[in-house]
Amino acid sequence: MLAGGLAHKALVVGGDVLSKILDWEDRSTLVLFGDGAGAVVLEPVGEGGFLGFELGADGGGGENLWLPGSGSRRFDDPDGLVKMNGREVFKFATRVMVSSAEKILAECGVSVDDVDVYVPHQANKRIIDHAARKLGIPEEKVVVNVDRYGNTSSGSIPLALADAVADGRLREGELVLMTGMGAGLTWGSALIEWTNGRAA
């Protein structure tokens, strides 16, 4: 809508109250997730901004991370809570976080050495560390807040952007690589030249 001139500004909000859909007896999911929300205001810029996107989905893996009865239905029984096969999700995440990032960098003709800040989905620290190591991104360029908030799902990347602005790592003109993955199974990456130091 912004690129087509249909809007001048857009508020993009990601937020989840995961505590309402977790099985409080299932420690394989309960200890990983947190409630959270983040927002980013987007507007057209003359130079910089989004340089490219890479998105994908594999419905065949959906049974490894899903919410039965999701959408407009609400189930109050335990079978309606988040289900996750942690081992399979870990294998999926460590693969697609790297391959998606590599694809968008290649598509944009950018080297990983040109990336100033890496903002991955905050699924867990082991996945983040694996992706950064395989991509060759040094630890000081990687934004991590999963240790404080848990996996906040759709809120994790906007929250991490806000943290990067707050700690001074995200400044005008910096090249930012964002990668994410989630239920479905789905994934995506974006490359952006940061053109404004504000985040919420």
C-alpha atoms as a PDB file:
ATOM      1  CA  MET A   1       0.000   0.000   0.000  1.00  0.00           C
ATOM      2  CA  LEU A   2       2.878   2.357   0.772  1.00  0.00           C
ATOM      3  CA  ALA A   3       4.818   1.531  -2.388  1.00  0.00           C
ATOM      4  CA  GLY A   4       1.640   1.910  -4.455  1.00  0.00           C
ATOM      5  CA  GLY A   5       0.842   5.305  -2.957  1.00  0.00           C
ATOM      6  CA  LEU A   6      -2.394   4.115  -1.324  1.00  0.00           C
ATOM      7  CA  ALA A   7      -1.163   5.124   2.137  1.00  0.00           C
ATOM      8  CA  HIS A   8       1.367   7.616   3.538  1.00  0.00           C
ATOM      9  CA  LYS A   9       2.032   5.905   6.854  1.00  0.00           C
ATOM     10  CA  ALA A  10       1.326   2.431   8.212  1.00  0.00           C
ATOM     11  CA  LEU A  11       1.358   1.157  11.770  1.00  0.00           C
ATOM     12  CA  VAL A  12       2.455  -2.477  11.771  1.00  0.00           C
ATOM     13  CA  VAL A  13       1.729  -4.232  15.065  1.00  0.00           C
ATOM     14  CA  GLY A  14       2.774  -7.718  16.126  1.00  0.00           C
ATOM     15  CA  GLY A  15       1.494  -9.029  19.420  1.00  0.00           C
ATOM     16  CA  ASP A  16       0.443 -12.232  21.118  1.00  0.00           C
ATOM     17  CA  VAL A  17      -0.888 -13.178  24.540  1.00  0.00           C
ATOM     18  CA  LEU A  18       0.509 -16.670  24.383  1.00  0.00           C
ATOM     19  CA  SER A  19      -0.115 -17.387  28.060  1.00  0.00           C
ATOM     20  CA  LYS A  20      -3.810 -17.807  27.173  1.00  0.00           C
ATOM     21  CA  ILE A  21      -3.186 -20.590  24.676  1.00  0.00           C
ATOM     22  CA  LEU A  22      -0.430 -22.572  26.412  1.00  0.00           C
ATOM     23  CA  ASP A  23      -0.879 -25.820  28.283  1.00  0.00           C
ATOM     24  CA  TRP A  24       0.355 -24.977  31.791  1.00  0.00           C
ATOM     25  CA  GLU A  25       1.205 -28.658  32.322  1.00  0.00           C
ATOM     26  CA  ASP A  26       3.430 -28.838  29.205  1.00  0.00           C
ATOM     27  CA  ARG A  27       6.897 -27.606  30.146  1.00  0.00           C
ATOM     28  CA  SER A  28       8.126 -28.151  26.573  1.00  0.00           C
ATOM     29  CA  THR A  29       6.173 -25.046  25.515  1.00  0.00           C
ATOM     30  CA  LEU A  30       5.379 -23.186  28.741  1.00  0.00           C
ATOM     31  CA  VAL A  31       8.964 -22.179  29.547  1.00  0.00           C
ATOM     32  CA  LEU A  32       9.694 -20.912  26.021  1.00  0.00           C
ATOM     33  CA  PHE A  33       6.962 -18.395  25.300  1.00  0.00           C
ATOM     34  CA  GLY A  34       6.130 -14.950  26.651  1.00  0.00           C
ATOM     35  CA  ASP A  35       3.408 -12.364  26.140  1.00  0.00           C
ATOM     36  CA  GLY A  36       4.488  -9.324  24.168  1.00  0.00           C
ATOM     37  CA  ALA A  37       3.714  -6.783  21.483  1.00  0.00           C
ATOM     38  CA  GLY A  38       5.721  -4.395  19.356  1.00  0.00           C
ATOM     39  CA  ALA A  39       4.919  -1.851  16.679  1.00  0.00           C
ATOM     40  CA  VAL A  40       6.724  -0.082  13.864  1.00  0.00           C
ATOM     41  CA  VAL A  41       5.569   2.939  11.851  1.00  0.00           C
ATOM     42  CA  LEU A  42       6.427   2.684   8.155  1.00  0.00           C
ATOM     43  CA  GLU A  43       6.409   5.461   5.574  1.00  0.00           C
ATOM     44  CA  PRO A  44       7.831   5.887   2.064  1.00  0.00           C
ATOM     45  CA  VAL A  45      11.398   7.198   1.789  1.00  0.00           C
ATOM     46  CA  GLY A  46      13.327   8.594  -1.145  1.00  0.00           C
ATOM     47  CA  GLU A  47      16.353   6.366  -0.537  1.00  0.00           C
ATOM     48  CA  GLY A  48      16.977   3.354   1.641  1.00  0.00           C
ATOM     49  CA  GLY A  49      14.115   1.624   3.379  1.00  0.00           C
ATOM     50  CA  PHE A  50      13.198  -1.943   2.443  1.00  0.00           C
ATOM     51  CA  LEU A  51      15.578  -3.406  -0.118  1.00  0.00           C
ATOM     52  CA  GLY A  52      13.931  -6.818  -0.430  1.00  0.00           C
ATOM     53  CA  PHE A  53      11.910  -9.662   1.068  1.00  0.00           C
ATOM     54  CA  GLU A  54      12.080 -13.455   0.990  1.00  0.00           C
ATOM     55  CA  LEU A  55       9.022 -15.388   2.206  1.00  0.00           C
ATOM     56  CA  GLY A  56       8.003 -19.031   2.292  1.00  0.00           C
ATOM     57  CA  ALA A  57       5.736 -21.672   3.784  1.00  0.00           C
ATOM     58  CA  ASP A  58       5.720 -25.435   4.144  1.00  0.00           C
ATOM     59  CA  GLY A  59       2.285 -26.638   5.164  1.00  0.00           C
ATOM     60  CA  GLY A  60       3.595 -30.201   5.357  1.00  0.00           C
ATOM     61  CA  GLY A  61       5.425 -29.268   8.556  1.00  0.00           C
ATOM     62  CA  GLY A  62       2.444 -27.529  10.128  1.00  0.00           C
ATOM     63  CA  GLU A  63       1.771 -30.414  12.497  1.00  0.00           C
ATOM     64  CA  ASN A  64       5.067 -29.632  14.267  1.00  0.00           C
ATOM     65  CA  LEU A  65       3.903 -26.224  15.549  1.00  0.00           C
ATOM     66  CA  TRP A  66       0.229 -25.409  15.512  1.00  0.00           C
ATOM     67  CA  LEU A  67      -2.824 -24.319  17.449  1.00  0.00           C
ATOM     68  CA  PRO A  68      -5.821 -26.643  17.096  1.00  0.00           C
ATOM     69  CA  GLY A  69      -9.086 -24.759  16.763  1.00  0.00           C
ATOM     70  CA  SER A  70      -7.318 -21.519  15.892  1.00  0.00           C
ATOM     71  CA  GLY A  71      -8.837 -18.757  13.831  1.00  0.00           C
ATOM     72  CA  SER A  72     -12.373 -17.736  14.656  1.00  0.00           C
ATOM     73  CA  ARG A  73     -13.002 -20.811  16.810  1.00  0.00           C
ATOM     74  CA  ARG A  74     -12.125 -21.002  20.509  1.00  0.00           C
ATOM     75  CA  PHE A  75     -11.769 -24.343  22.242  1.00  0.00           C
ATOM     76  CA  ASP A  76     -11.527 -24.549  26.031  1.00  0.00           C
ATOM     77  CA  ASP A  77     -10.198 -28.088  26.199  1.00  0.00           C
ATOM     78  CA  PRO A  78      -6.480 -29.027  26.424  1.00  0.00           C
ATOM     79  CA  ASP A  79      -6.491 -30.247  22.828  1.00  0.00           C
ATOM     80  CA  GLY A  80      -7.095 -26.640  21.735  1.00  0.00           C
ATOM     81  CA  LEU A  81      -3.760 -25.368  23.128  1.00  0.00           C
ATOM     82  CA  VAL A  82      -0.397 -24.852  21.385  1.00  0.00           C
ATOM     83  CA  LYS A  83       1.215 -28.069  20.182  1.00  0.00           C
ATOM     84  CA  MET A  84       4.903 -28.255  19.321  1.00  0.00           C
ATOM     85  CA  ASN A  85       7.376 -30.931  18.327  1.00  0.00           C
ATOM     86  CA  GLY A  86      10.435 -29.095  19.622  1.00  0.00           C
ATOM     87  CA  ARG A  87      13.033 -31.282  17.921  1.00  0.00           C
ATOM     88  CA  GLU A  88      11.458 -30.868  14.470  1.00  0.00           C
ATOM     89  CA  VAL A  89      10.863 -27.136  14.931  1.00  0.00           C
ATOM     90  CA  PHE A  90      14.503 -26.676  15.960  1.00  0.00           C
ATOM     91  CA  LYS A  91      15.727 -28.510  12.833  1.00  0.00           C
ATOM     92  CA  PHE A  92      13.369 -26.471  10.649  1.00  0.00           C
ATOM     93  CA  ALA A  93      14.304 -23.141  12.268  1.00  0.00           C
ATOM     94  CA  THR A  94      18.059 -23.645  12.088  1.00  0.00           C
ATOM     95  CA  ARG A  95      17.734 -24.492   8.392  1.00  0.00           C
ATOM     96  CA  VAL A  96      15.345 -21.761   7.194  1.00  0.00           C
ATOM     97  CA  MET A  97      16.730 -18.897   9.276  1.00  0.00           C
ATOM     98  CA  VAL A  98      20.017 -19.388   7.416  1.00  0.00           C
ATOM     99  CA  SER A  99      18.718 -20.243   3.929  1.00  0.00           C
ATOM    100  CA  SER A 100      16.179 -17.395   3.911  1.00  0.00           C
ATOM    101  CA  ALA A 101      18.795 -14.860   5.018  1.00  0.00           C
ATOM    102  CA  GLU A 102      21.252 -16.095   2.394  1.00  0.00           C
ATOM    103  CA  LYS A 103      18.598 -15.809  -0.326  1.00  0.00           C
ATOM    104  CA  ILE A 104      17.675 -12.214   0.481  1.00  0.00           C
ATOM    105  CA  LEU A 105      21.314 -11.132   0.730  1.00  0.00           C
ATOM    106  CA  ALA A 106      22.066 -12.729  -2.650  1.00  0.00           C
ATOM    107  CA  GLU A 107      18.938 -11.225  -4.221  1.00  0.00           C
ATOM    108  CA  CYS A 108      19.963  -7.750  -3.042  1.00  0.00           C
ATOM    109  CA  GLY A 109      23.630  -8.244  -4.022  1.00  0.00           C
ATOM    110  CA  VAL A 110      24.791  -7.642  -0.457  1.00  0.00           C
ATOM    111  CA  SER A 111      27.499  -9.455   1.476  1.00  0.00           C
ATOM    112  CA  VAL A 112      26.880 -10.631   5.032  1.00  0.00           C
ATOM    113  CA  ASP A 113      29.863  -8.434   5.965  1.00  0.00           C
ATOM    114  CA  ASP A 114      27.788  -5.400   4.918  1.00  0.00           C
ATOM    115  CA  VAL A 115      25.101  -6.189   7.516  1.00  0.00           C
ATOM    116  CA  ASP A 116      25.324  -3.814  10.491  1.00  0.00           C
ATOM    117  CA  VAL A 117      22.563  -5.291  12.655  1.00  0.00           C
ATOM    118  CA  TYR A 118      20.990  -8.757  12.632  1.00  0.00           C
ATOM    119  CA  VAL A 119      17.478  -8.930  14.122  1.00  0.00           C
ATOM    120  CA  PRO A 120      16.292 -12.547  14.212  1.00  0.00           C
ATOM    121  CA  HIS A 121      12.983 -13.857  15.493  1.00  0.00           C
ATOM    122  CA  GLN A 122      13.524 -14.577  19.174  1.00  0.00           C
ATOM    123  CA  ALA A 123      12.538 -18.258  19.117  1.00  0.00           C
ATOM    124  CA  ASN A 124      15.361 -19.347  21.402  1.00  0.00           C
ATOM    125  CA  LYS A 125      19.012 -18.500  21.974  1.00  0.00           C
ATOM    126  CA  ARG A 126      20.346 -21.734  20.489  1.00  0.00           C
ATOM    127  CA  ILE A 127      18.544 -21.101  17.186  1.00  0.00           C
ATOM    128  CA  ILE A 128      19.766 -17.485  17.103  1.00  0.00           C
ATOM    129  CA  ASP A 129      23.363 -18.531  17.876  1.00  0.00           C
ATOM    130  CA  HIS A 130      23.263 -21.242  15.212  1.00  0.00           C
ATOM    131  CA  ALA A 131      21.926 -18.879  12.530  1.00  0.00           C
ATOM    132  CA  ALA A 132      24.437 -16.131  13.354  1.00  0.00           C
ATOM    133  CA  ARG A 133      27.341 -18.605  13.356  1.00  0.00           C
ATOM    134  CA  LYS A 134      26.325 -20.223  10.032  1.00  0.00           C
ATOM    135  CA  LEU A 135      25.816 -16.804   8.432  1.00  0.00           C
ATOM    136  CA  GLY A 136      29.103 -15.500   9.832  1.00  0.00           C
ATOM    137  CA  ILE A 137      27.537 -12.604  11.760  1.00  0.00           C
ATOM    138  CA  PRO A 138      29.537 -11.615  14.860  1.00  0.00           C
ATOM    139  CA  GLU A 139      27.783 -11.648  18.236  1.00  0.00           C
ATOM    140  CA  GLU A 140      27.982  -7.860  18.683  1.00  0.00           C
ATOM    141  CA  LYS A 141      25.774  -7.358  15.600  1.00  0.00           C
ATOM    142  CA  VAL A 142      23.034  -9.737  16.818  1.00  0.00           C
ATOM    143  CA  VAL A 143      20.057  -8.383  18.792  1.00  0.00           C
ATOM    144  CA  VAL A 144      18.910 -10.814  21.506  1.00  0.00           C
ATOM    145  CA  ASN A 145      16.109 -10.264  24.019  1.00  0.00           C
ATOM    146  CA  VAL A 146      14.639 -13.765  24.312  1.00  0.00           C
ATOM    147  CA  ASP A 147      16.475 -14.081  27.632  1.00  0.00           C
ATOM    148  CA  ARG A 148      14.292 -11.291  29.032  1.00  0.00           C
ATOM    149  CA  TYR A 149      10.939 -11.719  27.282  1.00  0.00           C
ATOM    150  CA  GLY A 150      10.830 -15.305  26.016  1.00  0.00           C
ATOM    151  CA  ASN A 151       9.546 -16.062  22.534  1.00  0.00           C
ATOM    152  CA  THR A 152       6.921 -13.339  22.030  1.00  0.00           C
ATOM    153  CA  SER A 153       5.982 -14.716  18.608  1.00  0.00           C
ATOM    154  CA  SER A 154       4.819 -11.908  16.277  1.00  0.00           C
ATOM    155  CA  GLY A 155       6.040  -9.284  18.743  1.00  0.00           C
ATOM    156  CA  SER A 156       9.648 -10.469  18.824  1.00  0.00           C
ATOM    157  CA  ILE A 157      11.174  -8.623  15.857  1.00  0.00           C
ATOM    158  CA  PRO A 158       9.505  -5.244  16.561  1.00  0.00           C
ATOM    159  CA  LEU A 159      10.545  -5.536  20.232  1.00  0.00           C
ATOM    160  CA  ALA A 160      14.106  -6.391  19.170  1.00  0.00           C
ATOM    161  CA  LEU A 161      14.168  -3.369  16.833  1.00  0.00           C
ATOM    162  CA  ALA A 162      13.117  -1.143  19.735  1.00  0.00           C
ATOM    163  CA  ASP A 163      15.875  -2.637  21.893  1.00  0.00           C
ATOM    164  CA  ALA A 164      18.449  -2.011  19.141  1.00  0.00           C
ATOM    165  CA  VAL A 165      17.381   1.636  18.901  1.00  0.00           C
ATOM    166  CA  ALA A 166      17.447   2.019  22.692  1.00  0.00           C
ATOM    167  CA  ASP A 167      20.958   0.595  23.066  1.00  0.00           C
ATOM    168  CA  GLY A 168      22.323   2.710  20.191  1.00  0.00           C
ATOM    169  CA  ARG A 169      23.033  -0.123  17.749  1.00  0.00           C
ATOM    170  CA  LEU A 170      20.420   0.928  15.205  1.00  0.00           C
ATOM    171  CA  ARG A 171      21.250   4.238  13.558  1.00  0.00           C
ATOM    172  CA  GLU A 172      20.447   6.098  10.348  1.00  0.00           C
ATOM    173  CA  GLY A 173      21.819   4.360   7.244  1.00  0.00           C
ATOM    174  CA  GLU A 174      22.580   1.035   8.912  1.00  0.00           C
ATOM    175  CA  LEU A 175      21.865  -2.170   7.003  1.00  0.00           C
ATOM    176  CA  VAL A 176      19.497  -4.402   8.981  1.00  0.00           C
ATOM    177  CA  LEU A 177      18.848  -8.070   8.267  1.00  0.00           C
ATOM    178  CA  MET A 178      15.683  -9.505   9.838  1.00  0.00           C
ATOM    179  CA  THR A 179      14.790 -13.207   9.724  1.00  0.00           C
ATOM    180  CA  GLY A 180      11.836 -15.026  11.206  1.00  0.00           C
ATOM    181  CA  MET A 181      10.021 -18.332  11.274  1.00  0.00           C
ATOM    182  CA  GLY A 182       6.911 -19.689  12.899  1.00  0.00           C
ATOM    183  CA  ALA A 183       3.846 -21.872  12.915  1.00  0.00           C
ATOM    184  CA  GLY A 184       2.478 -23.182   9.704  1.00  0.00           C
ATOM    185  CA  LEU A 185       5.454 -23.746   9.114  1.00  0.00           C
ATOM    186  CA  THR A 186       6.425 -20.344   7.704  1.00  0.00           C
ATOM    187  CA  TRP A 187       9.521 -18.178   7.332  1.00  0.00           C
ATOM    188  CA  GLY A 188      10.682 -14.863   5.973  1.00  0.00           C
ATOM    189  CA  SER A 189      13.541 -12.391   5.766  1.00  0.00           C
ATOM    190  CA  ALA A 190      13.803  -8.711   4.995  1.00  0.00           C
ATOM    191  CA  LEU A 191      16.726  -6.427   4.315  1.00  0.00           C
ATOM    192  CA  ILE A 192      16.321  -2.760   5.186  1.00  0.00           C
ATOM    193  CA  GLU A 193      18.434   0.354   5.232  1.00  0.00           C
ATOM    194  CA  TRP A 194      17.322   2.021   8.464  1.00  0.00           C
ATOM    195  CA  THR A 195      16.188   5.570   7.770  1.00  0.00           C
ATOM    196  CA  ASN A 196      14.836   6.647  11.145  1.00  0.00           C
ATOM    197  CA  GLY A 197      16.056   5.933  14.665  1.00  0.00           C
ATOM    198  CA  ARG A 198      12.652   5.662  16.328  1.00  0.00           C
ATOM    199  CA  ALA A 199      10.995   2.388  17.294  1.00  0.00           C
ATOM    200  CA  ALA A 200       8.159   1.397  19.621  1.00  0.00           C
END
